[in-house]
PDB file of N, CA and C in Angstrom:
ATOM      1  N   MET A   1      62.189 -11.723  48.895  1.00  0.00           N
ATOM      2  CA  MET A   1      62.576 -13.098  49.097  1.00  0.00           C
ATOM      3  C   MET A   1      61.336 -13.973  49.229  1.00  0.00           C
ATOM      4  N   ALA A   2      61.413 -15.144  48.674  1.00  0.00           N
ATOM      5  CA  ALA A   2      60.290 -16.070  48.726  1.00  0.00           C
ATOM      6  C   ALA A   2      60.319 -16.859  50.032  1.00  0.00           C
ATOM      7  N   ASP A   3      59.127 -17.257  50.493  1.00  0.00           N
ATOM      8  CA  ASP A   3      59.028 -18.140  51.646  1.00  0.00           C
ATOM      9  C   ASP A   3      59.348 -19.562  51.205  1.00  0.00           C
ATOM     10  N   LEU A   4      59.997 -20.315  52.082  1.00  0.00           N
ATOM     11  CA  LEU A   4      60.274 -21.722  51.823  1.00  0.00           C
ATOM     12  C   LEU A   4      59.155 -22.532  52.452  1.00  0.00           C
ATOM     13  N   LYS A   5      58.508 -23.384  51.653  1.00  0.00           N
ATOM     14  CA  LYS A   5      57.417 -24.233  52.134  1.00  0.00           C
ATOM     15  C   LYS A   5      57.820 -25.682  51.955  1.00  0.00           C
ATOM     16  N   ILE A   6      57.674 -26.447  53.014  1.00  0.00           N
ATOM     17  CA  ILE A   6      57.906 -27.888  52.950  1.00  0.00           C
ATOM     18  C   ILE A   6      56.597 -28.547  53.368  1.00  0.00           C
ATOM     19  N   ARG A   7      56.050 -29.343  52.462  1.00  0.00           N
ATOM     20  CA  ARG A   7      54.780 -30.021  52.729  1.00  0.00           C
ATOM     21  C   ARG A   7      55.006 -31.530  52.703  1.00  0.00           C
ATOM     22  N   VAL A   8      54.432 -32.196  53.689  1.00  0.00           N
ATOM     23  CA  VAL A   8      54.549 -33.655  53.764  1.00  0.00           C
ATOM     24  C   VAL A   8      53.158 -34.246  53.601  1.00  0.00           C
ATOM     25  N   PHE A   9      53.018 -35.088  52.587  1.00  0.00           N
ATOM     26  CA  PHE A   9      51.755 -35.759  52.298  1.00  0.00           C
ATOM     27  C   PHE A   9      51.896 -37.238  52.650  1.00  0.00           C
ATOM     28  N   LYS A  10      50.865 -37.810  53.248  1.00  0.00           N
ATOM     29  CA  LYS A  10      50.858 -39.237  53.590  1.00  0.00           C
ATOM     30  C   LYS A  10      49.725 -39.927  52.841  1.00  0.00           C
ATOM     31  N   ASN A  11      49.964 -41.144  52.449  1.00  0.00           N
ATOM     32  CA  ASN A  11      48.939 -42.009  51.862  1.00  0.00           C
ATOM     33  C   ASN A  11      48.182 -41.371  50.702  1.00  0.00           C
ATOM     34  N   ALA A  12      48.877 -40.635  49.865  1.00  0.00           N
ATOM     35  CA  ALA A  12      48.294 -40.019  48.664  1.00  0.00           C
ATOM     36  C   ALA A  12      47.135 -39.073  48.966  1.00  0.00           C
ATOM     37  N   GLU A  13      47.113 -38.512  50.165  1.00  0.00           N
ATOM     38  CA  GLU A  13      46.078 -37.534  50.521  1.00  0.00           C
ATOM     39  C   GLU A  13      46.284 -36.250  49.718  1.00  0.00           C
ATOM     40  N   ALA A  14      45.198 -35.546  49.435  1.00  0.00           N
ATOM     41  CA  ALA A  14      45.279 -34.299  48.679  1.00  0.00           C
ATOM     42  C   ALA A  14      45.815 -33.153  49.540  1.00  0.00           C
ATOM     43  N   GLU A  15      45.527 -33.212  50.836  1.00  0.00           N
ATOM     44  CA  GLU A  15      45.979 -32.171  51.758  1.00  0.00           C
ATOM     45  C   GLU A  15      47.208 -32.670  52.512  1.00  0.00           C
ATOM     46  N   PRO A  16      48.178 -31.788  52.745  1.00  0.00           N
ATOM     47  CA  PRO A  16      49.375 -32.210  53.463  1.00  0.00           C
ATOM     48  C   PRO A  16      49.079 -32.541  54.920  1.00  0.00           C
ATOM     49  N   GLU A  17      49.822 -33.511  55.442  1.00  0.00           N
ATOM     50  CA  GLU A  17      49.721 -33.844  56.858  1.00  0.00           C
ATOM     51  C   GLU A  17      50.455 -32.789  57.685  1.00  0.00           C
ATOM     52  N   THR A  18      51.570 -32.296  57.132  1.00  0.00           N
ATOM     53  CA  THR A  18      52.396 -31.301  57.805  1.00  0.00           C
ATOM     54  C   THR A  18      52.853 -30.266  56.792  1.00  0.00           C
ATOM     55  N   THR A  19      52.846 -29.001  57.206  1.00  0.00           N
ATOM     56  CA  THR A  19      53.400 -27.927  56.386  1.00  0.00           C
ATOM     57  C   THR A  19      54.334 -27.099  57.261  1.00  0.00           C
ATOM     58  N   VAL A  20      55.538 -26.884  56.770  1.00  0.00           N
ATOM     59  CA  VAL A  20      56.502 -26.023  57.459  1.00  0.00           C
ATOM     60  C   VAL A  20      56.752 -24.833  56.550  1.00  0.00           C
ATOM     61  N   THR A  21      56.607 -23.624  57.092  1.00  0.00           N
ATOM     62  CA  THR A  21      56.860 -22.401  56.336  1.00  0.00           C
ATOM     63  C   THR A  21      57.956 -21.612  57.032  1.00  0.00           C
ATOM     64  N   ILE A  22      58.977 -21.268  56.264  1.00  0.00           N
ATOM     65  CA  ILE A  22      60.044 -20.409  56.786  1.00  0.00           C
ATOM     66  C   ILE A  22      60.015 -19.139  55.950  1.00  0.00           C
ATOM     67  N   PRO A  23      59.663 -18.001  56.565  1.00  0.00           N
ATOM     68  CA  PRO A  23      59.592 -16.747  55.821  1.00  0.00           C
ATOM     69  C   PRO A  23      60.931 -16.400  55.183  1.00  0.00           C
ATOM     70  N   GLY A  24      60.886 -15.941  53.952  1.00  0.00           N
ATOM     71  CA  GLY A  24      62.097 -15.614  53.202  1.00  0.00           C
ATOM     72  C   GLY A  24      62.984 -14.608  53.889  1.00  0.00           C
ATOM     73  N   GLY A  25      62.380 -13.658  54.584  1.00  0.00           N
ATOM     74  CA  GLY A  25      63.155 -12.617  55.242  1.00  0.00           C
ATOM     75  C   GLY A  25      64.070 -13.122  56.339  1.00  0.00           C
ATOM     76  N   ILE A  26      63.733 -14.277  56.916  1.00  0.00           N
ATOM     77  CA  ILE A  26      64.579 -14.805  57.985  1.00  0.00           C
ATOM     78  C   ILE A  26      65.237 -16.129  57.602  1.00  0.00           C
ATOM     79  N   LEU A  27      65.094 -16.507  56.350  1.00  0.00           N
ATOM     80  CA  LEU A  27      65.588 -17.807  55.912  1.00  0.00           C
ATOM     81  C   LEU A  27      67.086 -17.980  56.159  1.00  0.00           C
ATOM     82  N   LYS A  28      67.857 -16.941  55.878  1.00  0.00           N
ATOM     83  CA  LYS A  28      69.310 -17.035  56.084  1.00  0.00           C
ATOM     84  C   LYS A  28      69.641 -17.274  57.556  1.00  0.00           C
ATOM     85  N   VAL A  29      68.956 -16.564  58.431  1.00  0.00           N
ATOM     86  CA  VAL A  29      69.167 -16.740  59.868  1.00  0.00           C
ATOM     87  C   VAL A  29      68.610 -18.075  60.312  1.00  0.00           C
ATOM     88  N   ALA A  30      67.448 -18.453  59.784  1.00  0.00           N
ATOM     89  CA  ALA A  30      66.803 -19.708  60.167  1.00  0.00           C
ATOM     90  C   ALA A  30      67.668 -20.904  59.819  1.00  0.00           C
ATOM     91  N   ARG A  31      68.505 -20.786  58.808  1.00  0.00           N
ATOM     92  CA  ARG A  31      69.403 -21.883  58.414  1.00  0.00           C
ATOM     93  C   ARG A  31      70.222 -22.355  59.606  1.00  0.00           C
ATOM     94  N   LYS A  32      70.622 -21.414  60.433  1.00  0.00           N
ATOM     95  CA  LYS A  32      71.420 -21.755  61.605  1.00  0.00           C
ATOM     96  C   LYS A  32      70.573 -22.430  62.684  1.00  0.00           C
ATOM     97  N   LEU A  33      69.260 -22.276  62.595  1.00  0.00           N
ATOM     98  CA  LEU A  33      68.365 -22.853  63.594  1.00  0.00           C
ATOM     99  C   LEU A  33      67.808 -24.213  63.190  1.00  0.00           C
ATOM    100  N   ILE A  34      67.975 -24.580  61.924  1.00  0.00           N
ATOM    101  CA  ILE A  34      67.474 -25.865  61.452  1.00  0.00           C
ATOM    102  C   ILE A  34      68.318 -26.964  62.083  1.00  0.00           C
ATOM    103  N   PRO A  35      67.677 -27.935  62.736  1.00  0.00           N
ATOM    104  CA  PRO A  35      68.455 -29.003  63.370  1.00  0.00           C
ATOM    105  C   PRO A  35      69.358 -29.719  62.362  1.00  0.00           C
ATOM    106  N   LYS A  36      70.550 -30.054  62.800  1.00  0.00           N
ATOM    107  CA  LYS A  36      71.518 -30.730  61.923  1.00  0.00           C
ATOM    108  C   LYS A  36      70.938 -32.025  61.360  1.00  0.00           C
ATOM    109  N   GLN A  37      70.119 -32.679  62.150  1.00  0.00           N
ATOM    110  CA  GLN A  37      69.492 -33.928  61.710  1.00  0.00           C
ATOM    111  C   GLN A  37      68.565 -33.675  60.516  1.00  0.00           C
ATOM    112  N   ALA A  38      67.832 -32.560  60.546  1.00  0.00           N
ATOM    113  CA  ALA A  38      66.935 -32.226  59.440  1.00  0.00           C
ATOM    114  C   ALA A  38      67.737 -31.872  58.192  1.00  0.00           C
ATOM    115  N   VAL A  39      68.806 -31.120  58.363  1.00  0.00           N
ATOM    116  CA  VAL A  39      69.674 -30.771  57.229  1.00  0.00           C
ATOM    117  C   VAL A  39      70.270 -32.044  56.631  1.00  0.00           C
ATOM    118  N   ALA A  40      70.715 -32.952  57.503  1.00  0.00           N
ATOM    119  CA  ALA A  40      71.301 -34.213  57.031  1.00  0.00           C
ATOM    120  C   ALA A  40      70.264 -35.031  56.266  1.00  0.00           C
ATOM    121  N   ALA A  41      69.014 -35.039  56.740  1.00  0.00           N
ATOM    122  CA  ALA A  41      67.956 -35.790  56.054  1.00  0.00           C
ATOM    123  C   ALA A  41      67.708 -35.208  54.665  1.00  0.00           C
ATOM    124  N   LEU A  42      67.707 -33.879  54.545  1.00  0.00           N
ATOM    125  CA  LEU A  42      67.535 -33.251  53.236  1.00  0.00           C
ATOM    126  C   LEU A  42      68.723 -33.560  52.336  1.00  0.00           C
ATOM    127  N   GLN A  43      69.921 -33.494  52.895  1.00  0.00           N
ATOM    128  CA  GLN A  43      71.115 -33.784  52.105  1.00  0.00           C
ATOM    129  C   GLN A  43      71.123 -35.238  51.641  1.00  0.00           C
ATOM    130  N   ASP A  44      70.616 -36.146  52.461  1.00  0.00           N
ATOM    131  CA  ASP A  44      70.520 -37.561  52.064  1.00  0.00           C
ATOM    132  C   ASP A  44      69.622 -37.731  50.846  1.00  0.00           C
ATOM    133  N   LYS A  45      68.680 -36.805  50.698  1.00  0.00           N
ATOM    134  CA  LYS A  45      67.772 -36.844  49.552  1.00  0.00           C
ATOM    135  C   LYS A  45      68.292 -35.993  48.394  1.00  0.00           C
ATOM    136  N   GLY A  46      69.516 -35.483  48.550  1.00  0.00           N
ATOM    137  CA  GLY A  46      70.142 -34.717  47.481  1.00  0.00           C
ATOM    138  C   GLY A  46      69.759 -33.252  47.458  1.00  0.00           C
ATOM    139  N   ILE A  47      69.256 -32.736  48.574  1.00  0.00           N
ATOM    140  CA  ILE A  47      68.809 -31.348  48.634  1.00  0.00           C
ATOM    141  C   ILE A  47      69.827 -30.523  49.411  1.00  0.00           C
ATOM    142  N   ASP A  48      70.350 -29.492  48.771  1.00  0.00           N
ATOM    143  CA  ASP A  48      71.331 -28.597  49.371  1.00  0.00           C
ATOM    144  C   ASP A  48      70.581 -27.409  49.987  1.00  0.00           C
ATOM    145  N   VAL A  49      70.546 -27.354  51.307  1.00  0.00           N
ATOM    146  CA  VAL A  49      69.806 -26.307  52.013  1.00  0.00           C
ATOM    147  C   VAL A  49      70.357 -24.924  51.682  1.00  0.00           C
ATOM    148  N   ASP A  50      71.658 -24.804  51.597  1.00  0.00           N
ATOM    149  CA  ASP A  50      72.249 -23.500  51.278  1.00  0.00           C
ATOM    150  C   ASP A  50      71.830 -23.032  49.887  1.00  0.00           C
ATOM    151  N   GLU A  51      71.728 -23.955  48.947  1.00  0.00           N
ATOM    152  CA  GLU A  51      71.288 -23.589  47.596  1.00  0.00           C
ATOM    153  C   GLU A  51      69.816 -23.167  47.601  1.00  0.00           C
ATOM    154  N   LEU A  52      68.992 -23.814  48.430  1.00  0.00           N
ATOM    155  CA  LEU A  52      67.594 -23.385  48.565  1.00  0.00           C
ATOM    156  C   LEU A  52      67.526 -21.940  49.058  1.00  0.00           C
ATOM    157  N   ILE A  53      68.380 -21.616  50.012  1.00  0.00           N
ATOM    158  CA  ILE A  53      68.419 -20.247  50.540  1.00  0.00           C
ATOM    159  C   ILE A  53      68.831 -19.278  49.436  1.00  0.00           C
ATOM    160  N   ASN A  54      69.836 -19.643  48.658  1.00  0.00           N
ATOM    161  CA  ASN A  54      70.263 -18.786  47.547  1.00  0.00           C
ATOM    162  C   ASN A  54      69.137 -18.605  46.538  1.00  0.00           C
ATOM    163  N   LEU A  55      68.433 -19.681  46.214  1.00  0.00           N
ATOM    164  CA  LEU A  55      67.317 -19.583  45.269  1.00  0.00           C
ATOM    165  C   LEU A  55      66.218 -18.676  45.802  1.00  0.00           C
ATOM    166  N   SER A  56      65.971 -18.720  47.104  1.00  0.00           N
ATOM    167  CA  SER A  56      64.893 -17.922  47.692  1.00  0.00           C
ATOM    168  C   SER A  56      65.159 -16.427  47.544  1.00  0.00           C
ATOM    169  N   MET A  57      66.414 -16.031  47.352  1.00  0.00           N
ATOM    170  CA  MET A  57      66.756 -14.616  47.201  1.00  0.00           C
ATOM    171  C   MET A  57      66.513 -14.108  45.789  1.00  0.00           C
ATOM    172  N   ASN A  58      66.268 -15.017  44.858  1.00  0.00           N
ATOM    173  CA  ASN A  58      66.012 -14.637  43.473  1.00  0.00           C
ATOM    174  C   ASN A  58      64.504 -14.458  43.292  1.00  0.00           C
ATOM    175  N   PRO A  59      64.034 -13.231  43.050  1.00  0.00           N
ATOM    176  CA  PRO A  59      62.592 -12.989  42.939  1.00  0.00           C
ATOM    177  C   PRO A  59      61.940 -13.696  41.744  1.00  0.00           C
ATOM    178  N   GLU A  60      62.733 -14.165  40.808  1.00  0.00           N
ATOM    179  CA  GLU A  60      62.172 -14.844  39.640  1.00  0.00           C
ATOM    180  C   GLU A  60      61.922 -16.327  39.887  1.00  0.00           C
ATOM    181  N   VAL A  61      62.474 -16.855  40.967  1.00  0.00           N
ATOM    182  CA  VAL A  61      62.304 -18.277  41.264  1.00  0.00           C
ATOM    183  C   VAL A  61      61.110 -18.439  42.198  1.00  0.00           C
ATOM    184  N   LYS A  62      60.061 -19.058  41.696  1.00  0.00           N
ATOM    185  CA  LYS A  62      58.838 -19.324  42.467  1.00  0.00           C
ATOM    186  C   LYS A  62      58.314 -20.685  42.060  1.00  0.00           C
ATOM    187  N   GLY A  63      57.596 -21.306  42.969  1.00  0.00           N
ATOM    188  CA  GLY A  63      56.945 -22.574  42.662  1.00  0.00           C
ATOM    189  C   GLY A  63      57.666 -23.768  43.270  1.00  0.00           C
ATOM    190  N   THR A  64      57.232 -24.946  42.847  1.00  0.00           N
ATOM    191  CA  THR A  64      57.783 -26.186  43.372  1.00  0.00           C
ATOM    192  C   THR A  64      59.210 -26.375  42.878  1.00  0.00           C
ATOM    193  N   ILE A  65      60.110 -26.642  43.812  1.00  0.00           N
ATOM    194  CA  ILE A  65      61.516 -26.849  43.491  1.00  0.00           C
ATOM    195  C   ILE A  65      61.795 -28.337  43.322  1.00  0.00           C
ATOM    196  N   VAL A  66      61.267 -29.133  44.246  1.00  0.00           N
ATOM    197  CA  VAL A  66      61.515 -30.580  44.195  1.00  0.00           C
ATOM    198  C   VAL A  66      60.350 -31.317  44.865  1.00  0.00           C
ATOM    199  N   VAL A  67      60.057 -32.506  44.347  1.00  0.00           N
ATOM    200  CA  VAL A  67      59.075 -33.413  44.942  1.00  0.00           C
ATOM    201  C   VAL A  67      59.770 -34.750  45.144  1.00  0.00           C
ATOM    202  N   ILE A  68      59.718 -35.222  46.368  1.00  0.00           N
ATOM    203  CA  ILE A  68      60.333 -36.512  46.696  1.00  0.00           C
ATOM    204  C   ILE A  68      59.215 -37.468  47.063  1.00  0.00           C
ATOM    205  N   GLU A  69      59.112 -38.563  46.336  1.00  0.00           N
ATOM    206  CA  GLU A  69      58.088 -39.558  46.614  1.00  0.00           C
ATOM    207  C   GLU A  69      58.751 -40.825  47.124  1.00  0.00           C
ATOM    208  N   GLU A  70      58.412 -41.185  48.353  1.00  0.00           N
ATOM    209  CA  GLU A  70      58.920 -42.423  48.929  1.00  0.00           C
ATOM    210  C   GLU A  70      57.758 -43.415  48.941  1.00  0.00           C
ATOM    211  N   HIS A  71      57.686 -44.211  47.896  1.00  0.00           N
ATOM    212  CA  HIS A  71      56.548 -45.101  47.705  1.00  0.00           C
ATOM    213  C   HIS A  71      56.450 -46.158  48.797  1.00  0.00           C
ATOM    214  N   ASN A  72      57.576 -46.639  49.282  1.00  0.00           N
ATOM    215  CA  ASN A  72      57.529 -47.665  50.328  1.00  0.00           C
ATOM    216  C   ASN A  72      57.019 -47.117  51.656  1.00  0.00           C
ATOM    217  N   LYS A  73      57.046 -45.797  51.821  1.00  0.00           N
ATOM    218  CA  LYS A  73      56.534 -45.151  53.036  1.00  0.00           C
ATOM    219  C   LYS A  73      55.190 -44.469  52.791  1.00  0.00           C
ATOM    220  N   ASN A  74      54.691 -44.541  51.555  1.00  0.00           N
ATOM    221  CA  ASN A  74      53.464 -43.813  51.184  1.00  0.00           C
ATOM    222  C   ASN A  74      53.562 -42.349  51.587  1.00  0.00           C
ATOM    223  N   GLU A  75      54.684 -41.740  51.232  1.00  0.00           N
ATOM    224  CA  GLU A  75      54.946 -40.364  51.636  1.00  0.00           C
ATOM    225  C   GLU A  75      55.479 -39.555  50.462  1.00  0.00           C
ATOM    226  N   LYS A  76      55.046 -38.304  50.409  1.00  0.00           N
ATOM    227  CA  LYS A  76      55.545 -37.371  49.404  1.00  0.00           C
ATOM    228  C   LYS A  76      55.926 -36.085  50.120  1.00  0.00           C
ATOM    229  N   VAL A  77      57.108 -35.562  49.802  1.00  0.00           N
ATOM    230  CA  VAL A  77      57.577 -34.304  50.364  1.00  0.00           C
ATOM    231  C   VAL A  77      57.745 -33.329  49.207  1.00  0.00           C
ATOM    232  N   GLU A  78      57.118 -32.170  49.349  1.00  0.00           N
ATOM    233  CA  GLU A  78      57.177 -31.139  48.317  1.00  0.00           C
ATOM    234  C   GLU A  78      57.868 -29.915  48.907  1.00  0.00           C
ATOM    235  N   ILE A  79      58.883 -29.418  48.210  1.00  0.00           N
ATOM    236  CA  ILE A  79      59.590 -28.214  48.653  1.00  0.00           C
ATOM    237  C   ILE A  79      59.362 -27.141  47.602  1.00  0.00           C
ATOM    238  N   ALA A  80      58.860 -25.982  48.071  1.00  0.00           N
ATOM    239  CA  ALA A  80      58.501 -24.917  47.141  1.00  0.00           C
ATOM    240  C   ALA A  80      58.942 -23.566  47.674  1.00  0.00           C
ATOM    241  N   LEU A  81      59.132 -22.636  46.760  1.00  0.00           N
ATOM    242  CA  LEU A  81      59.365 -21.227  47.086  1.00  0.00           C
ATOM    243  C   LEU A  81      58.129 -20.466  46.652  1.00  0.00           C
ATOM    244  N   GLU A  82      57.506 -19.784  47.580  1.00  0.00           N
ATOM    245  CA  GLU A  82      56.259 -19.065  47.281  1.00  0.00           C
ATOM    246  C   GLU A  82      56.322 -17.630  47.750  1.00  0.00           C
TER     247      GLU A  82
END
C-alpha cells in the first residue's frame, strides 16, 4: 500500500509549509481518525477520501493524484500516493 502525502505550499514556495503523511498500512484505520472537518474540507474540494484509500491499495497507482491551487489564498495543496 502506498503512503498518502498531503503537502501544503504557501506563496509559491518550492518547499511545503506543511506535510502530512499517513502510512498506507494504517490508512484504512486512519480514515476513522481523520477529523470530520478535514474530510468535509476535502469533499468541498471534490476529493473523496474513501476513494483515495481505495487507490492507495493499488500498487500500480503512485504519484500526484490531485493539485488544488487557491490563487486568492496563495496556497497550493498537493495530494500524492508514494
